[in-house]
């Protein structure tokens, strides 16, 4: 539903604009149950579009503006996970118009850099005032005023942080490895700071991962190893150990590599980072046993 909020000017009625569901580049529905239907990772763009139809008679009646005023229909985005936001600036991403026909139709596109978003993505279709000639005292007088808005929420990451997975050829020096994880700083967002690479030469492994019958078992093995590597990376990070040594509460922002590592240690291993580091130093075999015990069922 269009967002309704109190304004000191008249806004467009809900039925002034009709629009189709958001589609991806293939023309397929882009959102299903608040989940993005296309592959998402921080190295690719999220490309969406919708077809909007403006009933100009209802628009002018509800806003008290005239057919000489200029409107803009545009898509914008906001990501709570990164606190970043943006709007279309290129041709096709917004349309300026006057209400000179009974019905006006537009295709509105939105391209979002995957590296700028995390956790959730809010996409909005908006109608704004660009140029005002109306003299009505109750119509909007501020250029850029939002007269109509509809927002969709897309969940990019679940309760456990989602990160990109890519199948690539491995170089000779580790060509026999099944997979490895690339990891950024503890303060980096999970969406851009973690990436799992799978060896494209391991056809049987890839087939098993993609198989409905065996994918769960292989995913558990990979998940356990990824959790182990995230934890080890954190325990070897001086800043992580220093930040969590005397403060066992949350010290890293939500959606970061550090917060992911902290949660893995506290929630699943039920230890403080310092306790786990001491165990790793004094009894590495026991450390490995506890890792397997805690993560093999997920």
Protein backbone atom coordinates (compact mmCIF):
# COMPACT_ATOMS: atom_id res chain seq x y z
CA UNK A 1 0.00 0.00 0.00
CA UNK A 2 1.19 3.58 -0.59
CA UNK A 3 2.64 5.09 2.55
CA UNK A 4 0.33 7.55 4.26
CA UNK A 5 1.59 10.22 6.60
CA UNK A 6 0.48 13.68 7.72
CA UNK A 7 1.53 16.50 5.40
CA UNK A 8 0.63 20.19 5.37
CA UNK A 9 -0.40 19.93 1.73
CA UNK A 10 -2.72 17.74 -0.30
CA UNK A 11 -1.23 14.53 -1.67
CA UNK A 12 -2.20 12.20 -4.50
CA UNK A 13 -4.92 9.66 -3.85
CA UNK A 14 -3.89 6.01 -3.65
CA UNK A 15 -5.65 5.19 -6.90
CA UNK A 16 -3.97 8.00 -8.83
CA UNK A 17 -1.20 5.61 -9.80
CA UNK A 18 -1.41 1.94 -10.72
CA UNK A 19 1.75 -0.09 -11.17
CA UNK A 20 2.86 -3.62 -11.97
CA UNK A 21 4.95 -5.85 -9.76
CA UNK A 22 8.68 -5.25 -9.94
CA UNK A 23 10.43 -7.34 -12.62
CA UNK A 24 14.06 -8.33 -13.15
CA UNK A 25 16.02 -8.06 -16.41
CA UNK A 26 14.49 -11.33 -17.63
CA UNK A 27 10.99 -9.95 -17.19
CA UNK A 28 10.31 -12.28 -14.26
CA UNK A 29 8.92 -11.21 -10.86
CA UNK A 30 11.83 -9.74 -8.90
CA UNK A 31 10.34 -10.15 -5.42
CA UNK A 32 8.61 -13.14 -3.86
CA UNK A 33 7.66 -13.26 -0.18
CA UNK A 34 9.96 -10.28 0.43
CA UNK A 35 12.88 -12.19 -1.07
CA UNK A 36 14.89 -11.16 -4.11
CA UNK A 37 14.44 -13.68 -6.93
CA UNK A 38 17.65 -12.82 -8.75
CA UNK A 39 21.20 -13.62 -7.68
CA UNK A 40 22.56 -10.95 -5.39
CA UNK A 41 26.11 -10.22 -4.34
CA UNK A 42 28.11 -7.02 -3.73
CA UNK A 43 29.87 -7.30 -7.10
CA UNK A 44 26.74 -7.08 -9.24
CA UNK A 45 23.87 -4.66 -9.77
CA UNK A 46 20.29 -5.35 -8.74
CA UNK A 47 18.26 -4.29 -11.78
CA UNK A 48 14.50 -3.86 -11.45
CA UNK A 49 11.67 -2.22 -13.36
CA UNK A 50 7.95 -1.58 -13.03
CA UNK A 51 5.26 -0.20 -15.32
CA UNK A 52 3.32 2.70 -13.85
CA UNK A 53 0.08 4.23 -15.09
CA UNK A 54 -0.95 7.71 -13.91
CA UNK A 55 -4.63 8.69 -13.86
CA UNK A 56 -4.11 12.42 -14.33
CA UNK A 57 -7.69 13.41 -13.48
CA UNK A 58 -7.49 11.75 -10.07
CA UNK A 59 -3.99 13.10 -9.59
CA UNK A 60 -4.98 16.73 -10.19
CA UNK A 61 -8.19 16.48 -8.18
CA UNK A 62 -6.48 15.02 -5.13
CA UNK A 63 -3.38 17.26 -5.17
CA UNK A 64 -5.11 20.52 -6.17
CA UNK A 65 -2.39 21.03 -8.76
CA UNK A 66 -2.92 21.88 -12.45
CA UNK A 67 -2.11 20.43 -15.85
CA UNK A 68 0.63 23.06 -16.13
CA UNK A 69 2.55 21.74 -13.10
CA UNK A 70 5.45 19.34 -13.67
CA UNK A 71 5.65 15.99 -11.89
CA UNK A 72 8.36 13.34 -11.65
CA UNK A 73 7.86 9.62 -11.20
CA UNK A 74 11.00 7.98 -9.89
CA UNK A 75 12.29 4.91 -8.05
CA UNK A 76 14.54 5.18 -5.02
CA UNK A 77 16.21 2.74 -2.61
CA UNK A 78 17.40 2.57 0.98
CA UNK A 79 19.35 -0.16 2.76
CA UNK A 80 19.08 -0.29 6.58
CA UNK A 81 22.05 -2.67 6.67
CA UNK A 82 24.45 -0.08 5.25
CA UNK A 83 22.36 3.06 5.96
CA UNK A 84 22.93 4.10 2.34
CA UNK A 85 20.28 5.30 -0.08
CA UNK A 86 19.91 6.53 -3.62
CA UNK A 87 17.58 7.23 -6.52
CA UNK A 88 17.56 6.88 -10.27
CA UNK A 89 19.57 9.51 -12.14
CA UNK A 90 19.83 8.03 -15.62
CA UNK A 91 17.46 7.96 -18.58
CA UNK A 92 14.59 5.56 -17.91
CA UNK A 93 15.07 5.69 -14.15
CA UNK A 94 12.78 8.71 -13.81
CA UNK A 95 10.22 10.55 -15.95
CA UNK A 96 9.17 14.19 -15.79
CA UNK A 97 5.71 14.99 -17.13
CA UNK A 98 2.75 17.33 -17.16
CA UNK A 99 -0.80 16.02 -16.88
CA UNK A 100 -1.76 16.73 -20.48
CA UNK A 101 -3.46 13.36 -21.16
CA UNK A 102 -6.06 11.35 -19.26
CA UNK A 103 -3.64 8.47 -18.71
CA UNK A 104 0.15 8.44 -18.87
CA UNK A 105 2.22 5.25 -18.87
CA UNK A 106 5.86 4.90 -17.87
CA UNK A 107 8.42 2.16 -17.39
CA UNK A 108 10.47 3.05 -14.32
CA UNK A 109 13.82 1.34 -13.86
CA UNK A 110 16.06 1.03 -10.83
CA UNK A 111 19.68 -0.13 -10.73
CA UNK A 112 21.27 -0.64 -7.32
CA UNK A 113 24.96 -1.37 -6.78
CA UNK A 114 25.05 -4.62 -4.78
CA UNK A 115 28.09 -3.42 -2.86
CA UNK A 116 26.08 -0.60 -1.29
CA UNK A 117 23.36 -2.73 0.29
CA UNK A 118 23.07 -5.35 3.00
CA UNK A 119 20.52 -7.14 5.19
CA UNK A 120 17.46 -5.45 3.64
CA UNK A 121 16.64 -3.30 0.65
CA UNK A 122 13.69 -0.91 0.57
CA UNK A 123 12.63 0.13 -2.93
CA UNK A 124 10.12 2.93 -3.42
CA UNK A 125 8.14 4.22 -6.36
CA UNK A 126 7.52 7.92 -5.82
CA UNK A 127 5.64 10.79 -7.43
CA UNK A 128 7.20 14.18 -6.72
CA UNK A 129 6.53 17.79 -7.60
CA UNK A 130 9.19 19.26 -9.89
CA UNK A 131 7.72 22.60 -11.01
CA UNK A 132 4.66 24.40 -9.58
CA UNK A 133 2.43 26.92 -11.32
CA UNK A 134 -0.69 26.23 -9.27
CA UNK A 135 -1.91 28.98 -6.96
CA UNK A 136 -3.95 26.72 -4.71
CA UNK A 137 -3.18 27.49 -1.03
CA UNK A 138 -3.55 23.84 -0.05
CA UNK A 139 -1.40 22.29 -2.78
CA UNK A 140 2.28 21.56 -2.28
CA UNK A 141 4.50 24.60 -2.74
CA UNK A 142 7.84 22.90 -2.10
CA UNK A 143 9.67 21.48 -5.09
CA UNK A 144 10.63 17.86 -4.50
CA UNK A 145 7.63 17.20 -2.27
CA UNK A 146 6.59 13.54 -2.32
CA UNK A 147 2.96 13.40 -3.39
CA UNK A 148 2.60 9.61 -3.59
CA UNK A 149 4.82 6.70 -2.52
CA UNK A 150 4.78 2.92 -2.47
CA UNK A 151 7.56 0.95 -0.75
CA UNK A 152 8.58 -2.70 -0.95
CA UNK A 153 10.89 -4.42 1.50
CA UNK A 154 13.34 -7.01 0.18
CA UNK A 155 15.20 -9.27 2.59
CA UNK A 156 18.73 -9.84 1.32
CA UNK A 157 20.04 -11.69 4.37
CA UNK A 158 18.33 -13.96 6.85
CA UNK A 159 18.92 -14.33 10.56
CA UNK A 160 22.29 -15.80 9.75
CA UNK A 161 24.23 -13.47 7.48
CA UNK A 162 24.13 -14.30 3.81
CA UNK A 163 27.28 -13.84 1.74
CA UNK A 164 28.13 -14.40 -1.92
CA UNK A 165 29.18 -17.80 -3.26
CA UNK A 166 31.03 -18.05 -6.56
CA UNK A 167 32.25 -21.05 -8.58
CA UNK A 168 35.60 -20.22 -10.22
CA UNK A 169 38.76 -21.96 -11.54
CA UNK A 170 41.45 -22.24 -8.87
CA UNK A 171 45.11 -21.47 -9.67
CA UNK A 172 47.72 -24.24 -9.71
CA UNK A 173 49.08 -23.58 -6.24
CA UNK A 174 45.79 -24.70 -4.65
CA UNK A 175 44.02 -26.32 -7.60
CA UNK A 176 43.02 -29.37 -5.53
CA UNK A 177 41.21 -27.37 -2.84
CA UNK A 178 37.44 -27.79 -2.75
CA UNK A 179 36.64 -24.28 -1.57
CA UNK A 180 38.03 -21.34 0.33
CA UNK A 181 36.62 -18.22 1.94
CA UNK A 182 37.87 -14.69 1.35
CA UNK A 183 37.36 -12.40 4.30
CA UNK A 184 37.73 -8.65 4.90
CA UNK A 185 38.19 -6.62 8.05
CA UNK A 186 36.07 -7.20 11.13
CA UNK A 187 34.31 -3.88 10.52
CA UNK A 188 33.42 -4.75 6.90
CA UNK A 189 29.79 -5.62 6.09
CA UNK A 190 29.17 -9.33 5.69
CA UNK A 191 27.57 -8.67 2.30
CA UNK A 192 30.90 -7.37 0.98
CA UNK A 193 33.43 -8.71 3.49
CA UNK A 194 32.81 -12.44 3.01
CA UNK A 195 32.87 -14.47 -0.19
CA UNK A 196 32.98 -18.25 -0.59
CA UNK A 197 34.77 -19.59 -3.67
CA UNK A 198 34.15 -23.12 -4.90
CA UNK A 199 36.56 -24.89 -7.25
CA UNK A 200 34.92 -25.32 -10.65
CA UNK A 201 37.08 -28.41 -11.27
CA UNK A 202 35.25 -30.26 -8.48
CA UNK A 203 32.30 -31.31 -10.62
CA UNK A 204 31.12 -34.02 -8.26
CA UNK A 205 31.08 -31.58 -5.36
CA UNK A 206 29.14 -29.00 -7.38
CA UNK A 207 26.68 -31.63 -8.57
CA UNK A 208 26.13 -32.80 -5.00
CA UNK A 209 25.58 -29.23 -3.79
CA UNK A 210 23.02 -28.68 -6.53
CA UNK A 211 21.35 -32.04 -5.97
CA UNK A 212 18.09 -31.98 -4.00
CA UNK A 213 18.93 -35.36 -2.46
CA UNK A 214 22.42 -34.58 -1.13
CA UNK A 215 22.68 -30.78 -1.03
CA UNK A 216 21.75 -30.58 2.67
CA UNK A 217 24.58 -32.88 3.77
CA UNK A 218 27.18 -31.05 1.71
CA UNK A 219 25.88 -27.67 2.82
CA UNK A 220 26.34 -28.74 6.45
CA UNK A 221 29.96 -29.69 5.78
CA UNK A 222 30.67 -26.38 4.05
CA UNK A 223 28.79 -24.41 6.69
CA UNK A 224 30.83 -26.00 9.48
CA UNK A 225 34.10 -25.21 7.71
CA UNK A 226 33.05 -21.64 6.91
CA UNK A 227 32.05 -21.04 10.54
CA UNK A 228 35.41 -22.45 11.66
CA UNK A 229 37.33 -20.15 9.33
CA UNK A 230 35.36 -17.06 10.36
CA UNK A 231 36.03 -17.84 14.02
CA UNK A 232 39.74 -18.49 13.43
CA UNK A 233 40.06 -15.28 11.44
CA UNK A 234 38.49 -13.38 14.33
CA UNK A 235 40.64 -15.05 16.99
CA UNK A 236 43.78 -14.13 15.03
CA UNK A 237 42.63 -10.53 14.67
CA UNK A 238 44.24 -8.32 17.33
CA UNK A 239 41.49 -5.70 17.12
CA UNK A 240 38.78 -8.32 17.58
CA UNK A 241 40.46 -9.87 20.63
CA UNK A 242 41.16 -6.45 22.12
CA UNK A 243 37.60 -5.22 21.57
CA UNK A 244 35.99 -8.33 23.06
CA UNK A 245 38.48 -9.10 25.83
CA UNK A 246 36.80 -7.05 28.55
CA UNK A 247 33.48 -6.31 26.85
CA UNK A 248 31.38 -9.36 26.14
CA UNK A 249 28.46 -7.31 24.87
CA UNK A 250 28.02 -6.36 21.23
CA UNK A 251 30.94 -4.21 20.09
CA UNK A 252 30.60 -4.61 16.33
CA UNK A 253 27.78 -3.14 14.25
CA UNK A 254 25.03 -5.42 12.95
CA UNK A 255 25.79 -6.95 9.57
CA UNK A 256 29.58 -6.80 9.97
CA UNK A 257 32.11 -9.64 9.84
CA UNK A 258 33.01 -8.95 13.48
CA UNK A 259 29.38 -9.22 14.62
CA UNK A 260 29.00 -12.46 12.65
CA UNK A 261 32.09 -13.94 14.33
CA UNK A 262 31.00 -12.71 17.76
CA UNK A 263 27.56 -14.32 17.36
CA UNK A 264 29.04 -17.62 16.17
CA UNK A 265 31.20 -17.74 19.29
CA UNK A 266 28.62 -16.58 21.83
CA UNK A 267 25.45 -18.19 20.48
CA UNK A 268 26.71 -21.51 19.14
CA UNK A 269 29.89 -22.21 21.12
CA UNK A 270 28.50 -20.49 24.23
CA UNK A 271 31.88 -19.07 25.20
CA UNK A 272 33.39 -15.64 25.42
CA UNK A 273 35.91 -14.84 22.65
CA UNK A 274 38.70 -14.82 25.25
CA UNK A 275 37.68 -18.25 26.60
CA UNK A 276 37.65 -19.67 23.08
CA UNK A 277 41.02 -18.12 22.26
CA UNK A 278 42.54 -19.70 25.38
CA UNK A 279 41.07 -23.08 24.41
CA UNK A 280 42.47 -22.72 20.89
CA UNK A 281 45.92 -21.95 22.29
CA UNK A 282 46.01 -24.60 24.99
CA UNK A 283 44.01 -27.45 23.48
CA UNK A 284 43.54 -27.10 19.70
CA UNK A 285 42.14 -30.63 19.32
CA UNK A 286 39.40 -29.90 21.82
CA UNK A 287 38.75 -26.63 19.99
CA UNK A 288 38.27 -28.51 16.69
CA UNK A 289 35.99 -31.05 18.38
CA UNK A 290 33.77 -28.31 19.78
CA UNK A 291 33.57 -26.58 16.40
CA UNK A 292 32.34 -29.79 14.77
CA UNK A 293 29.89 -30.45 17.58
CA UNK A 294 28.41 -26.94 17.42
CA UNK A 295 28.07 -26.49 13.67
CA UNK A 296 27.63 -29.91 12.07
CA UNK A 297 23.85 -29.86 12.49
CA UNK A 298 23.24 -26.54 10.71
